[in-house]
Amino acid sequence: MNRRKFLARSAAAAGATLLAKAQMRNQKLARIGVSTWSFHNLFTATHDKDAPPISGTPMDARDFPDMIADRYHVHEMEIVAPHISPEPSYIRDLKARLDRAHSHLVNIPVDIEELWQAGISRRPSRHIKHWPPTELPRGFS
């Protein structure tokens, strides 16, 4: 084997190794999701009364996909129900922003206090029947 072949094969092997590491990193990141609840004190709807006041503009869930994708390179989102509006135009805009950030909404936790207080004896199904409060756009995921 001459020097040129050795250098070419070494470069190809190094490139393949780097590519494999990058693919493995992307696979690991695909299993990670970020919830808006991690930032609940930045949202008006879930701000704790004992927490310091929100400095600046309160967070909007429609800005969440871009922020998380840009800052953390994570594209799986969980948006807590109180952080989103049930208005169809808001939902369509959220979907567009998720698409733009190449992100996916994997869960919408719905916390209805009455469910927690109901216990086993009764189940307030009147709330469950009405979620989501609007029809989600086709392909919303």
Protein backbone atom coordinates (compact mmCIF):
# COMPACT_ATOMS: atom_id res chain seq x y z
CA MET A 1 0.00 0.00 0.00
CA ASN A 2 1.40 3.35 -0.96
CA ARG A 3 1.14 6.57 0.99
CA ARG A 4 -1.73 8.04 -1.06
CA LYS A 5 -3.94 4.99 -0.62
CA PHE A 6 -3.16 4.94 3.10
CA LEU A 7 -4.10 8.62 3.51
CA ALA A 8 -7.28 8.24 1.43
CA ARG A 9 -8.42 5.19 3.39
CA SER A 10 -7.57 6.85 6.72
CA ALA A 11 -9.57 9.95 5.79
CA ALA A 12 -12.54 7.80 4.70
CA ALA A 13 -12.42 5.84 7.95
CA ALA A 14 -12.25 9.04 10.03
CA GLY A 15 -15.17 10.53 8.09
CA ALA A 16 -17.26 7.37 8.55
CA THR A 17 -16.52 7.41 12.29
CA LEU A 18 -17.57 11.06 12.61
CA LEU A 19 -20.75 10.41 10.63
CA ALA A 20 -21.64 7.42 12.81
CA LYS A 21 -21.10 9.47 15.99
CA ALA A 22 -23.30 12.30 14.64
CA GLN A 23 -26.07 9.84 13.74
CA MET A 24 -25.89 8.24 17.19
CA ARG A 25 -26.12 11.69 18.82
CA ASN A 26 -29.21 12.53 16.71
CA GLN A 27 -30.85 9.22 17.68
CA LYS A 28 -30.28 10.00 21.35
CA LEU A 29 -31.71 13.51 20.98
CA ALA A 30 -34.78 12.08 19.22
CA ARG A 31 -35.64 10.29 22.47
CA ILE A 32 -35.54 13.49 24.52
CA GLY A 33 -38.43 15.91 24.85
CA VAL A 34 -38.84 19.20 26.67
CA SER A 35 -42.01 20.29 28.45
CA THR A 36 -43.33 23.81 28.78
CA TRP A 37 -43.86 22.94 32.44
CA SER A 38 -40.09 23.25 32.90
CA PHE A 39 -40.65 26.95 32.21
CA HIS A 40 -44.04 27.27 33.96
CA ASN A 41 -43.03 30.37 35.91
CA LEU A 42 -42.46 32.19 32.62
CA PHE A 43 -46.08 31.63 31.53
CA THR A 44 -48.82 33.86 32.94
CA ALA A 45 -51.31 30.98 33.29
CA THR A 46 -49.07 28.85 35.52
CA HIS A 47 -46.88 31.42 37.27
CA ASP A 48 -46.53 30.56 40.98
CA LYS A 49 -47.75 33.31 43.25
CA ASP A 50 -44.62 32.93 45.42
CA ALA A 51 -42.22 33.10 42.45
CA PRO A 52 -40.50 36.33 41.46
CA PRO A 53 -42.46 38.36 38.89
CA ILE A 54 -41.90 37.64 35.21
CA SER A 55 -39.26 39.98 33.87
CA GLY A 56 -39.99 41.04 30.32
CA THR A 57 -42.68 39.52 28.16
CA PRO A 58 -44.35 36.32 29.39
CA MET A 59 -43.60 33.23 27.32
CA ASP A 60 -45.97 32.21 24.53
CA ALA A 61 -46.20 28.49 23.71
CA ARG A 62 -45.99 29.32 20.00
CA ASP A 63 -42.41 30.55 20.57
CA PHE A 64 -41.45 27.42 22.49
CA PRO A 65 -40.56 25.11 19.52
CA ASP A 66 -38.10 27.61 18.01
CA MET A 67 -36.50 28.37 21.37
CA ILE A 68 -35.98 24.72 22.31
CA ALA A 69 -34.82 23.67 18.83
CA ASP A 70 -32.37 26.58 18.54
CA ARG A 71 -31.00 26.49 22.07
CA TYR A 72 -31.04 22.77 22.90
CA HIS A 73 -31.40 21.05 19.48
CA VAL A 74 -34.37 19.08 20.82
CA HIS A 75 -37.42 18.64 18.59
CA GLU A 76 -39.88 16.67 20.73
CA MET A 77 -42.25 18.94 22.69
CA GLU A 78 -44.75 18.55 25.46
CA ILE A 79 -46.99 21.59 25.82
CA VAL A 80 -49.06 21.74 28.99
CA ALA A 81 -52.73 22.53 28.26
CA PRO A 82 -52.93 25.79 30.27
CA HIS A 83 -50.11 27.17 28.10
CA ILE A 84 -52.10 27.02 24.86
CA SER A 85 -55.28 28.69 23.68
CA PRO A 86 -58.11 26.52 22.32
CA GLU A 87 -58.75 29.02 19.52
CA PRO A 88 -58.42 27.38 16.08
CA SER A 89 -56.21 30.18 14.72
CA TYR A 90 -53.84 29.79 17.70
CA ILE A 91 -53.67 26.01 17.18
CA ARG A 92 -52.98 26.47 13.44
CA ASP A 93 -50.21 28.97 14.22
CA LEU A 94 -48.71 26.62 16.81
CA LYS A 95 -48.74 23.80 14.26
CA ALA A 96 -47.02 26.03 11.68
CA ARG A 97 -44.34 26.98 14.17
CA LEU A 98 -43.77 23.37 15.17
CA ASP A 99 -43.34 22.51 11.48
CA ARG A 100 -40.98 25.43 10.93
CA ALA A 101 -38.78 24.24 13.84
CA HIS A 102 -38.95 20.63 12.52
CA SER A 103 -40.48 19.70 15.87
CA HIS A 104 -43.28 17.42 17.04
CA LEU A 105 -45.86 17.78 19.76
CA VAL A 106 -45.76 14.45 21.57
CA ASN A 107 -48.02 15.17 24.53
CA ILE A 108 -50.50 17.69 25.92
CA PRO A 109 -50.95 17.05 29.64
CA VAL A 110 -54.42 18.10 30.70
CA ASP A 111 -54.61 18.81 34.41
CA ILE A 112 -58.19 19.16 35.60
CA GLU A 113 -58.24 19.71 39.35
CA GLU A 114 -61.63 18.06 39.64
CA LEU A 115 -60.13 14.80 38.34
CA TRP A 116 -57.58 14.77 41.14
CA GLN A 117 -60.20 15.45 43.77
CA ALA A 118 -62.70 12.92 42.38
CA GLY A 119 -60.86 9.81 43.52
CA ILE A 120 -62.14 6.38 42.53
CA SER A 121 -65.79 6.92 43.48
CA ARG A 122 -66.74 9.36 40.73
CA ARG A 123 -65.23 10.40 37.43
CA PRO A 124 -66.12 13.82 36.00
CA SER A 125 -66.31 12.71 32.37
CA ARG A 126 -67.92 15.99 31.28
CA HIS A 127 -64.40 17.50 31.11
CA ILE A 128 -62.84 14.59 29.29
CA LYS A 129 -65.44 14.59 26.51
CA HIS A 130 -64.52 18.13 25.55
CA TRP A 131 -60.77 17.76 25.13
CA PRO A 132 -59.29 18.94 22.88
CA PRO A 133 -61.47 22.03 23.01
CA THR A 134 -61.20 22.48 19.24
CA GLU A 135 -60.58 20.17 16.32
CA LEU A 136 -56.86 19.82 15.77
CA PRO A 137 -55.55 20.46 12.26
CA ARG A 138 -54.79 17.44 10.10
CA GLY A 139 -51.27 16.13 10.66
CA PHE A 140 -50.93 17.75 14.07
CA SER A 141 -48.29 15.65 15.80
